[in-house]
Each structure stands twice: as C-alpha cells, then as structure tokens.
Amino acid sequence: MSGSTLFDQILDPANRANPYPLYAELRKIPVARQEDGTYVVSGHAELARLISDPRISSDDLPDPQKFRWTGHPVTDLLVRPVRAEIRKRHRPFIFRDPPDHDRLRGQVMRCFTPERVRGMRAKTQEITDDLIGKMRGKTQIDLVDDFSYPLPVTVICELLGVPPEDEAQFHGWATQLATALEPNQRGDAETQAKNEVCFNEIADYLQGLIKEKRKDPQEDILSDLATDKEGMNDFDLIATAVLLLVAGHETTVNLITNGMLTLLRFPEHGERLRAEPDLAPRLIEELLRYEPPVHYRTRVALTDIPVAGITIPKDAPVIFLLAAANRDPARFPDPDRFDPDRPDNRHLGFGGGLHYCVGAPLARIEAEVALVSLVRRLKGVSLIEDPPPYRPGASLRGPRHLRLALEGWQRTNITYKIFA
C-alpha cells in the first residue's frame, strides 16, 4: 500500500498510540477503496451488515511463498512443500468458511462449555493474587511483563492442559504467529519464512502433547478434543490448538493492559471500580467498545457486493475496521467519551457473526478479576510514560510495556461478591 492512504497511516507504527482521529476521517466514507484495491469498512451500520454476510469470506490467508533453496533436497523438495500444503488445507477455523468453520468451531464449543469457563473464575483469582503477591514491595512495575501477559497465558494453558513448565515457550511463538493478522506483514516473504519455522515448532510440540493426552486424558480441553472419536483429524486438531493458545491470551493481554491504561487516564472510574466492584461487567463492556484488543480483521469478497452506494467487487480484499465502528457517532452518542453506564452498548469488540470470539466469556472473566484486583491492591498508581510504547501490530493493538510507579500496596486479599 502507498503511504498516502488513511489506512496506510493507521498501519504506520507512528500512529499506534492514537489511531482514532484517523478512524474518524475514514468514517466520512464508511466503505472506502484504497489504492491497492482493498476496501476498508469503518461505519458501524455498514460493518454490522457485512460481518454476517455469507458473501464475505474469512479464507484470505495468502498462499505460501515459493521456497528458497537451502541446499537440502529432501527438505526443500519434499518436507517443506508437503507441510505447506497441510497448513494451507488445515488452517485455523478463523480463516475458514462454512461448512468447515462451523464443524470445527462446534467441536471446540462442545468442550468450551459455560460451566467450564465459569469454573475458571476461582483459578483466575488465584493466579491474579499470586502475580500481585510477586510484585509486592516494588515501587515500579511493568504491568505487561509482570501481570498482563502471565495471567492469560497461565489461564489458557490451565484450561487446555498445557504443563505449566512449558508456558514460557509460547511467548515467542504467539508474538510471531500474530503477524498473520497484519495485512502489511503476512504477505512478506521473510515474515512467512519465520511463521513457517514457528508454526512447525509449535505443531511438533502440540503433536507430542496430543499423544500424551490420548494415553492419559485429563480434565482439560485438549484431552477432550484429542479423545473425541467423532472429532477433528490431527492436522485440524493441531491448527485449532495453536489458535486457542495464541488467540486465547494475545487479545486478553491487550484487554487488561488497555483497561488499566484507561482507568489511569480517567481515575474517577478507577476510584468508582474500587468502591463498586459490581461495576466491573459494565466497565469491561465499555472498554471493549472504547479500547478494544483487536482493531480490525481481514476478509475477501466472494462476489460483487453493493453497500453504502458502492460495489465491492469479487475477490477484493476487505478490512473490517471494528475499532472505528465502535466509535461511530451514528451508533454511539458521544463515542469518544469513556462511559461504563452507556446504555445499549452492543459493540463489536469481540467481532460478530459466525466468527464472534469463542473465548469472549473467558476474556471477560479474566479482565474483571484482573482490573478489580489491581485497583483494590495497588495504591497511588501513576503512569511513568504516557503514551506508553506500543506493540508493532495495528490489528492486535496494545502497549508493549506499561510502566507504573506505585506508592504502596493493600496488605490483604479481598473477596468480592461478584467473584463468588
């Protein structure tokens, strides 16, 4: 893409800290064609219509680049091409359409039951208390490294059945594989090569873990999927496990960190949450609208689609700019105001349609437990730098670090009715 378009400016890391003025400009043309033929949808009404349109496909990952010769004939001519074809045919279900998407998602949802997710609330509180306990006594912390990252990765590994000692491996894998959501990165040959290596490493690890689960099943989601005799094949199982591990914590890291940053920028809401922990569910919903963890998703048109007075042509790339739609004044009055009491707050923070986030209930629980615990346990919190440094991606948008200065700590844990 040329740097002259508004969406190119959104992709520019220099605008990562505050892309919202650019979103407002884009909404003036709610479905806007870019110079490379991509159509960016930023209006809420238009996006809400298209997000459930079966003429829009999620199967938009680029084909693998031609392999560069490494001097190893068996690897270059057999192993790598075969693995690439397997990855292409057995992509994670967020990059697939019905009926494959529905079949795979349905099998996950049978394991990802409301009862199992609700049962993680107490464990989430336990992990939260442990992480806060490890920070006690410090006068400065990095919320991302000390808390926002380890909390969701520990929770998702617990839920899936990944041994705690293996959790550290996933940070690098997840960071690299998340580039698949960035349109200006995933078509790059060097990025694809890194993703190939990364995916092979995590797939090999999971293949071994799946074998162990089949021999000795435990009370976890990976055991359920691996032992389902009418379930998915091993290739789809590995792709699904990769998706759950990566998406299961990458987005929640952003939600928790963006949430704390917002509360520090608007301290009256942090004070209110401290006094009224039952505000947490409404506050989280407003965070998902105001500072969502995922700002856009990519799609492709399967046929010509008329919308907003124009026609998106067949095969055109489409960007669903969720974060822009969440601040559309035609849908949300005074959209740039953070208001936990906002009525009719049907946001697109978790997407929508067939691809509505599978892990949304778990992410809500984690964010509620985390933010209430932080505002009740940390005293005299202030930002060391604002804006903080951001992660490079424009889709999974959140601070890379959130450095905080602290005056003190609440000495005792507090049990909240909302978390009972």
Protein backbone atom coordinates (compact mmCIF):
# COMPACT_ATOMS: atom_id res chain seq x y z
CA MET A 1 0.00 0.00 0.00
CA SER A 2 1.10 3.55 -0.68
CA GLY A 3 1.70 5.74 2.33
CA SER A 4 -0.81 8.31 1.02
CA THR A 5 -3.95 6.49 2.17
CA LEU A 6 -5.57 6.84 5.57
CA PHE A 7 -5.35 3.11 6.19
CA ASP A 8 -1.62 3.19 5.46
CA GLN A 9 -1.30 5.83 8.13
CA ILE A 10 -3.18 3.54 10.51
CA LEU A 11 -0.65 0.79 9.79
CA ASP A 12 2.24 3.21 10.47
CA PRO A 13 3.64 2.50 13.97
CA ALA A 14 4.00 6.25 14.47
CA ASN A 15 0.19 6.43 14.82
CA ARG A 16 -0.22 3.41 17.06
CA ALA A 17 -0.74 5.39 20.27
CA ASN A 18 -3.83 7.19 18.94
CA PRO A 19 -5.34 5.98 15.66
CA TYR A 20 -8.81 7.31 16.50
CA PRO A 21 -8.56 10.65 14.62
CA LEU A 22 -7.64 8.63 11.52
CA TYR A 23 -10.66 6.38 12.12
CA ALA A 24 -12.88 9.46 12.28
CA GLU A 25 -11.55 10.63 8.92
CA LEU A 26 -12.15 7.19 7.41
CA ARG A 27 -15.75 7.09 8.62
CA LYS A 28 -16.55 10.07 6.39
CA ILE A 29 -16.55 7.45 3.62
CA PRO A 30 -17.75 4.37 5.52
CA VAL A 31 -16.71 1.95 2.76
CA ALA A 32 -13.54 3.36 1.21
CA ARG A 33 -11.46 1.89 -1.62
CA GLN A 34 -7.70 2.10 -1.09
CA GLU A 35 -5.12 2.50 -3.85
CA ASP A 36 -4.30 -1.22 -3.89
CA GLY A 37 -7.96 -2.24 -4.32
CA THR A 38 -8.63 -3.00 -0.65
CA TYR A 39 -11.97 -1.80 0.74
CA VAL A 40 -11.93 -0.50 4.31
CA VAL A 41 -15.28 -0.67 6.13
CA SER A 42 -15.37 1.74 9.09
CA GLY A 43 -19.03 2.70 9.54
CA HIS A 44 -20.96 0.77 12.19
CA ALA A 45 -24.10 0.20 10.11
CA GLU A 46 -22.10 -0.99 7.11
CA LEU A 47 -19.83 -3.24 9.15
CA ALA A 48 -22.71 -4.72 11.15
CA ARG A 49 -24.36 -5.63 7.86
CA LEU A 50 -21.29 -7.14 6.21
CA ILE A 51 -19.92 -9.02 9.22
CA SER A 52 -22.69 -11.63 8.88
CA ASP A 53 -22.87 -11.57 5.06
CA PRO A 54 -22.11 -15.04 3.60
CA ARG A 55 -20.68 -13.34 0.52
CA ILE A 56 -17.72 -12.25 2.66
CA SER A 57 -15.06 -14.92 3.19
CA SER A 58 -12.56 -15.37 6.01
CA ASP A 59 -10.36 -17.62 3.87
CA ASP A 60 -7.96 -14.82 2.98
CA LEU A 61 -4.52 -16.01 4.10
CA PRO A 62 -2.03 -15.71 1.21
CA ASP A 63 -0.56 -18.85 -0.30
CA PRO A 64 2.96 -19.67 0.90
CA GLN A 65 5.82 -18.02 -0.94
CA LYS A 66 7.93 -20.19 -3.20
CA PHE A 67 10.58 -21.92 -1.13
CA ARG A 68 14.10 -20.66 -1.23
CA TRP A 69 16.71 -23.30 -1.93
CA THR A 70 18.62 -24.26 1.20
CA GLY A 71 20.80 -26.99 -0.25
CA HIS A 72 18.88 -29.86 1.38
CA PRO A 73 16.99 -31.60 -1.46
CA VAL A 74 14.74 -33.82 0.69
CA THR A 75 13.73 -30.89 2.88
CA ASP A 76 13.32 -28.39 0.04
CA LEU A 77 11.59 -30.68 -2.48
CA LEU A 78 9.51 -32.89 -0.17
CA VAL A 79 9.23 -31.98 3.51
CA ARG A 80 8.61 -28.24 3.23
CA PRO A 81 6.15 -28.41 0.29
CA VAL A 82 4.14 -31.16 2.00
CA ARG A 83 4.00 -29.25 5.29
CA ALA A 84 2.98 -26.07 3.44
CA GLU A 85 0.13 -27.88 1.71
CA ILE A 86 -1.04 -29.31 5.04
CA ARG A 87 -1.00 -25.86 6.64
CA LYS A 88 -2.95 -24.45 3.69
CA ARG A 89 -5.65 -27.14 3.80
CA HIS A 90 -5.92 -27.22 7.59
CA ARG A 91 -5.86 -23.58 8.57
CA PRO A 92 -7.26 -22.45 11.94
CA PHE A 93 -11.03 -22.06 11.74
CA ILE A 94 -10.93 -18.26 11.99
CA PHE A 95 -9.53 -18.38 8.45
CA ARG A 96 -12.15 -20.83 7.15
CA ASP A 97 -15.73 -20.61 5.91
CA PRO A 98 -18.74 -22.90 6.37
CA PRO A 99 -19.12 -25.80 6.45
CA ASP A 100 -15.56 -26.43 7.71
CA HIS A 101 -15.65 -23.43 10.04
CA ASP A 102 -18.94 -24.47 11.61
CA ARG A 103 -17.83 -28.06 12.11
CA LEU A 104 -14.53 -27.17 13.78
CA ARG A 105 -15.93 -24.33 15.87
CA GLY A 106 -18.80 -26.54 17.00
CA GLN A 107 -16.38 -29.19 18.24
CA VAL A 108 -14.48 -26.58 20.23
CA MET A 109 -17.66 -25.12 21.69
CA ARG A 110 -18.71 -28.55 22.95
CA CYS A 111 -15.56 -28.52 25.09
CA PHE A 112 -15.54 -24.78 25.84
CA THR A 113 -18.72 -25.04 27.90
CA PRO A 114 -20.11 -22.17 30.01
CA GLU A 115 -19.73 -24.34 33.11
CA ARG A 116 -16.05 -24.99 32.39
CA VAL A 117 -15.38 -21.31 31.71
CA ARG A 118 -17.21 -20.17 34.85
CA GLY A 119 -15.22 -22.72 36.77
CA MET A 120 -12.04 -20.84 35.79
CA ARG A 121 -13.05 -17.74 37.78
CA ALA A 122 -11.64 -19.00 41.07
CA LYS A 123 -8.46 -20.19 39.35
CA THR A 124 -8.11 -16.82 37.65
CA GLN A 125 -8.40 -15.09 41.02
CA GLU A 126 -5.80 -17.45 42.48
CA ILE A 127 -3.34 -16.72 39.65
CA THR A 128 -4.05 -12.99 39.94
CA ASP A 129 -3.36 -12.98 43.68
CA ASP A 130 -0.13 -14.90 43.14
CA LEU A 131 1.11 -12.45 40.47
CA ILE A 132 0.24 -9.45 42.61
CA GLY A 133 1.98 -11.09 45.55
CA LYS A 134 5.16 -11.42 43.50
CA MET A 135 5.07 -7.67 42.74
CA ARG A 136 4.57 -6.58 46.34
CA GLY A 137 7.26 -4.33 47.70
CA LYS A 138 8.17 -2.89 44.30
CA THR A 139 7.83 0.83 43.68
CA GLN A 140 7.79 0.37 39.89
CA ILE A 141 6.33 -2.40 37.75
CA ASP A 142 5.82 -3.17 34.09
CA LEU A 143 2.20 -4.27 34.05
CA VAL A 144 2.61 -6.18 30.76
CA ASP A 145 5.61 -8.29 31.74
CA ASP A 146 4.70 -8.63 35.41
CA PHE A 147 0.97 -9.22 35.10
CA SER A 148 -0.99 -8.73 31.86
CA TYR A 149 0.96 -11.34 29.91
CA PRO A 150 1.48 -14.08 32.52
CA LEU A 151 -2.14 -14.03 33.73
CA PRO A 152 -3.94 -15.02 30.49
CA VAL A 153 -1.19 -17.35 29.28
CA THR A 154 -1.35 -19.24 32.58
CA VAL A 155 -5.16 -19.36 32.42
CA ILE A 156 -5.33 -20.66 28.83
CA CYS A 157 -2.61 -23.24 29.47
CA GLU A 158 -4.53 -24.43 32.54
CA LEU A 159 -7.74 -24.67 30.54
CA LEU A 160 -6.15 -26.50 27.62
CA GLY A 161 -3.95 -28.75 29.73
CA VAL A 162 -0.51 -27.41 28.82
CA PRO A 163 2.08 -28.18 31.53
CA PRO A 164 2.99 -25.02 33.48
CA GLU A 165 6.71 -25.54 32.84
CA ASP A 166 6.07 -25.24 29.08
CA GLU A 167 4.24 -21.89 29.25
CA ALA A 168 7.36 -19.80 28.63
CA GLN A 169 7.79 -21.26 25.15
CA PHE A 170 4.56 -19.73 23.89
CA HIS A 171 5.51 -16.07 24.18
CA GLY A 172 7.81 -16.04 21.15
CA TRP A 173 5.59 -18.37 19.16
CA ALA A 174 2.47 -16.30 19.81
CA THR A 175 4.15 -12.98 19.01
CA GLN A 176 5.40 -14.28 15.67
CA LEU A 177 2.21 -16.05 14.61
CA ALA A 178 0.12 -12.98 15.43
CA THR A 179 1.60 -11.35 12.31
CA ALA A 180 -0.93 -13.44 10.33
CA LEU A 181 -3.49 -10.77 11.33
CA GLU A 182 -1.45 -7.91 9.86
CA PRO A 183 -2.04 -7.45 6.10
CA ASN A 184 1.18 -5.50 5.61
CA GLN A 185 3.24 -8.28 7.22
CA ARG A 186 1.75 -11.64 6.35
CA GLY A 187 2.47 -11.39 2.62
CA ASP A 188 6.13 -10.57 3.26
CA ALA A 189 8.47 -13.42 2.27
CA GLU A 190 10.70 -13.04 5.34
CA THR A 191 7.70 -12.97 7.69
CA GLN A 192 6.24 -16.04 6.01
CA ALA A 193 9.54 -17.87 6.42
CA LYS A 194 9.62 -17.04 10.13
CA ASN A 195 5.99 -18.08 10.52
CA GLU A 196 6.75 -21.38 8.79
CA VAL A 197 9.52 -22.18 11.25
CA CYS A 198 7.43 -21.00 14.19
CA PHE A 199 4.35 -22.98 13.20
CA ASN A 200 6.40 -26.14 12.66
CA GLU A 201 7.92 -25.78 16.12
CA ILE A 202 4.61 -25.29 17.91
CA ALA A 203 2.95 -28.03 15.80
CA ASP A 204 5.69 -30.51 16.72
CA TYR A 205 5.27 -29.63 20.39
CA LEU A 206 1.49 -29.99 20.27
CA GLN A 207 1.67 -33.26 18.36
CA GLY A 208 3.67 -34.74 21.21
CA LEU A 209 1.29 -33.30 23.79
CA ILE A 210 -1.75 -34.68 21.95
CA LYS A 211 -0.22 -38.16 22.03
CA GLU A 212 0.21 -37.85 25.79
CA LYS A 213 -3.41 -36.71 26.21
CA ARG A 214 -4.67 -39.75 24.32
CA LYS A 215 -2.64 -42.07 26.51
CA ASP A 216 -3.59 -40.35 29.75
CA PRO A 217 -6.57 -37.96 29.33
CA GLN A 218 -7.05 -35.26 31.94
CA GLU A 219 -9.86 -32.81 32.74
CA ASP A 220 -8.87 -30.28 30.07
CA ILE A 221 -9.98 -29.13 26.63
CA LEU A 222 -7.06 -30.62 24.72
CA SER A 223 -7.78 -34.05 26.24
CA ASP A 224 -11.45 -33.73 25.25
CA LEU A 225 -10.58 -32.79 21.65
CA ALA A 226 -7.88 -35.44 21.33
CA THR A 227 -10.11 -38.27 22.57
CA ASP A 228 -13.27 -37.31 20.67
CA LYS A 229 -13.73 -40.28 18.35
CA GLU A 230 -16.01 -38.27 16.08
CA GLY A 231 -13.83 -35.20 16.29
CA MET A 232 -11.33 -33.48 14.04
CA ASN A 233 -8.30 -35.07 12.37
CA ASP A 234 -4.85 -34.46 13.81
CA PHE A 235 -3.99 -31.69 11.35
CA ASP A 236 -7.12 -29.71 12.24
CA LEU A 237 -6.59 -30.51 15.92
CA ILE A 238 -3.10 -29.03 15.86
CA ALA A 239 -4.27 -25.92 13.98
CA THR A 240 -7.13 -25.49 16.46
CA ALA A 241 -4.83 -25.90 19.45
CA VAL A 242 -2.44 -23.31 18.01
CA LEU A 243 -5.35 -20.92 17.54
CA LEU A 244 -6.65 -21.39 21.08
CA LEU A 245 -3.20 -20.96 22.61
CA VAL A 246 -2.31 -17.85 20.61
CA ALA A 247 -5.70 -16.12 20.46
CA GLY A 248 -6.53 -17.30 23.97
CA HIS A 249 -4.02 -14.95 25.54
CA GLU A 250 -2.78 -12.40 22.98
CA THR A 251 -6.08 -10.50 22.93
CA THR A 252 -6.57 -10.67 26.70
CA VAL A 253 -3.13 -9.19 27.31
CA ASN A 254 -4.31 -6.14 25.37
CA LEU A 255 -7.70 -6.01 27.08
CA ILE A 256 -6.19 -5.97 30.57
CA THR A 257 -3.41 -3.52 29.68
CA ASN A 258 -5.68 -1.16 27.72
CA GLY A 259 -8.13 -1.38 30.60
CA MET A 260 -5.59 -0.33 33.23
CA LEU A 261 -4.27 2.43 31.00
CA THR A 262 -7.80 3.77 30.53
CA LEU A 263 -8.51 3.69 34.27
CA LEU A 264 -5.31 5.62 34.96
CA ARG A 265 -6.22 8.20 32.33
CA PHE A 266 -9.70 8.52 33.85
CA PRO A 267 -9.00 7.97 37.57
CA GLU A 268 -12.58 8.73 38.61
CA HIS A 269 -13.61 5.43 37.02
CA GLY A 270 -10.80 3.56 38.77
CA GLU A 271 -11.96 5.01 42.10
CA ARG A 272 -15.52 4.02 41.35
CA LEU A 273 -14.49 0.46 40.43
CA ARG A 274 -12.54 0.22 43.68
CA ALA A 275 -15.65 1.20 45.65
CA GLU A 276 -18.15 -0.67 43.45
CA PRO A 277 -16.64 -3.92 42.14
CA ASP A 278 -20.03 -4.96 40.78
CA LEU A 279 -19.47 -2.22 38.16
CA ALA A 280 -16.86 -4.49 36.53
CA PRO A 281 -19.04 -6.19 33.88
CA ARG A 282 -20.36 -2.88 32.52
CA LEU A 283 -16.94 -1.30 32.67
CA ILE A 284 -15.42 -4.20 30.70
CA GLU A 285 -18.09 -3.84 28.00
CA GLU A 286 -17.27 -0.17 27.64
CA LEU A 287 -13.56 -0.98 27.45
CA LEU A 288 -14.30 -3.43 24.64
CA ARG A 289 -16.00 -0.61 22.76
CA TYR A 290 -13.64 2.22 23.70
CA GLU A 291 -10.24 0.45 23.58
CA PRO A 292 -10.78 -3.00 22.03
CA PRO A 293 -7.94 -5.54 21.94
CA VAL A 294 -8.48 -6.25 18.21
CA HIS A 295 -8.88 -3.25 15.91
CA TYR A 296 -9.59 -4.93 12.61
CA ARG A 297 -9.93 -8.23 10.77
CA THR A 298 -9.36 -9.00 7.09
CA ARG A 299 -11.80 -10.63 4.69
CA VAL A 300 -12.30 -11.14 0.93
CA ALA A 301 -15.41 -10.66 -1.22
CA LEU A 302 -16.72 -13.84 -2.86
CA THR A 303 -18.88 -11.89 -5.31
CA ASP A 304 -19.81 -8.30 -6.13
CA ILE A 305 -21.42 -6.76 -3.01
CA PRO A 306 -23.31 -3.44 -3.15
CA VAL A 307 -23.09 -1.46 0.09
CA ALA A 308 -23.20 2.23 1.05
CA GLY A 309 -23.70 3.32 -2.54
CA ILE A 310 -20.70 1.46 -3.96
CA THR A 311 -19.95 -2.09 -5.07
CA ILE A 312 -17.17 -4.13 -3.51
CA PRO A 313 -16.01 -6.26 -6.45
CA LYS A 314 -15.48 -10.02 -6.37
CA ASP A 315 -12.07 -11.08 -4.96
CA ALA A 316 -11.42 -7.66 -3.42
CA PRO A 317 -9.67 -7.65 -0.03
CA VAL A 318 -11.88 -6.17 2.70
CA ILE A 319 -10.86 -4.68 6.05
CA PHE A 320 -13.41 -4.75 8.87
CA LEU A 321 -12.25 -1.79 10.98
CA LEU A 322 -14.00 -2.81 14.19
CA ALA A 323 -12.46 -0.13 16.41
CA ALA A 324 -13.62 2.64 14.07
CA ALA A 325 -17.18 1.28 14.03
CA ASN A 326 -17.12 1.16 17.83
CA ARG A 327 -16.71 4.94 17.88
CA ASP A 328 -19.19 5.76 15.14
CA PRO A 329 -21.30 8.71 16.40
CA ALA A 330 -24.20 7.47 14.26
CA ARG A 331 -24.39 4.45 16.59
CA PHE A 332 -22.90 5.63 19.92
CA PRO A 333 -23.66 9.12 21.28
CA ASP A 334 -20.51 10.99 22.34
CA PRO A 335 -18.42 7.98 21.25
CA ASP A 336 -15.03 9.33 22.36
CA ARG A 337 -16.20 9.50 25.98
CA PHE A 338 -15.46 6.53 28.24
CA ASP A 339 -18.77 5.78 29.98
CA PRO A 340 -19.31 2.47 31.84
CA ASP A 341 -23.00 3.39 32.23
CA ARG A 342 -23.51 3.69 28.48
CA PRO A 343 -26.90 2.18 27.53
CA ASP A 344 -27.40 -0.16 24.57
CA ASN A 345 -23.68 -0.84 24.33
CA ARG A 346 -23.76 -3.51 21.60
CA HIS A 347 -20.17 -3.09 20.47
CA LEU A 348 -18.02 -5.06 18.03
CA GLY A 349 -15.13 -5.54 20.44
CA PHE A 350 -15.30 -9.32 20.02
CA GLY A 351 -16.25 -9.19 16.35
CA GLY A 352 -19.58 -10.65 15.26
CA GLY A 353 -21.41 -13.13 13.11
CA LEU A 354 -20.01 -16.63 12.65
CA HIS A 355 -16.59 -15.53 13.86
CA TYR A 356 -17.66 -13.96 17.15
CA CYS A 357 -14.81 -14.64 19.58
CA VAL A 358 -15.01 -18.16 21.04
CA GLY A 359 -13.11 -17.06 24.14
CA ALA A 360 -15.17 -13.93 24.87
CA PRO A 361 -16.69 -15.27 28.14
CA LEU A 362 -13.25 -16.26 29.45
CA ALA A 363 -11.69 -12.92 28.45
CA ARG A 364 -14.45 -11.07 30.31
CA ILE A 365 -13.81 -13.08 33.46
CA GLU A 366 -10.05 -12.51 33.29
CA ALA A 367 -10.45 -8.76 32.74
CA GLU A 368 -12.99 -8.40 35.56
CA VAL A 369 -10.85 -10.30 38.06
CA ALA A 370 -7.66 -8.53 36.97
CA LEU A 371 -8.88 -4.94 36.98
CA VAL A 372 -10.85 -5.15 40.22
CA SER A 373 -7.90 -6.81 41.95
CA LEU A 374 -5.43 -4.25 40.62
CA VAL A 375 -7.42 -1.17 41.63
CA ARG A 376 -8.04 -2.63 45.08
CA ARG A 377 -4.47 -3.82 45.76
CA LEU A 378 -2.29 -1.09 44.20
CA LYS A 379 -2.01 2.27 45.97
CA GLY A 380 -1.04 5.60 44.46
CA VAL A 381 -0.56 4.27 40.92
CA SER A 382 0.71 6.61 38.21
CA LEU A 383 1.94 6.25 34.64
CA ILE A 384 5.67 6.62 34.14
CA GLU A 385 5.15 7.42 30.45
CA ASP A 386 2.04 8.34 28.53
CA PRO A 387 1.59 7.30 25.83
CA PRO A 388 3.44 4.07 26.55
CA PRO A 389 5.40 2.19 23.86
CA TYR A 390 3.08 0.09 21.72
CA ARG A 391 3.44 -3.29 20.09
CA PRO A 392 4.13 -3.02 16.35
CA GLY A 393 0.86 -4.54 15.11
CA ALA A 394 -2.12 -2.36 14.22
CA SER A 395 -4.66 -5.19 14.43
CA LEU A 396 -3.75 -6.62 17.86
CA ARG A 397 -3.20 -3.15 19.31
CA GLY A 398 -1.91 -2.69 22.83
CA PRO A 399 1.06 -1.37 24.82
CA ARG A 400 4.25 -3.41 24.69
CA HIS A 401 5.09 -2.08 28.14
CA LEU A 402 3.01 -0.21 30.72
CA ARG A 403 5.41 1.07 33.36
CA LEU A 404 3.76 2.18 36.57
CA ALA A 405 5.00 3.94 39.70
CA LEU A 406 3.45 2.78 42.98
CA GLU A 407 3.17 4.37 46.39
CA GLY A 408 2.17 1.19 48.21
CA TRP A 409 0.06 -1.96 48.37
CA GLN A 410 -3.14 -3.13 50.01
CA ARG A 411 -1.94 -5.70 52.53
CA THR A 412 -4.71 -8.28 52.40
CA ASN A 413 -6.61 -10.03 49.68
CA ILE A 414 -10.26 -9.07 49.43
CA THR A 415 -13.01 -11.45 48.37
CA TYR A 416 -15.66 -9.80 46.21
CA LYS A 417 -19.25 -10.88 45.96
CA ILE A 418 -19.06 -10.62 42.16
CA PHE A 419 -16.35 -13.28 42.10
CA ALA A 420 -18.06 -15.74 44.40
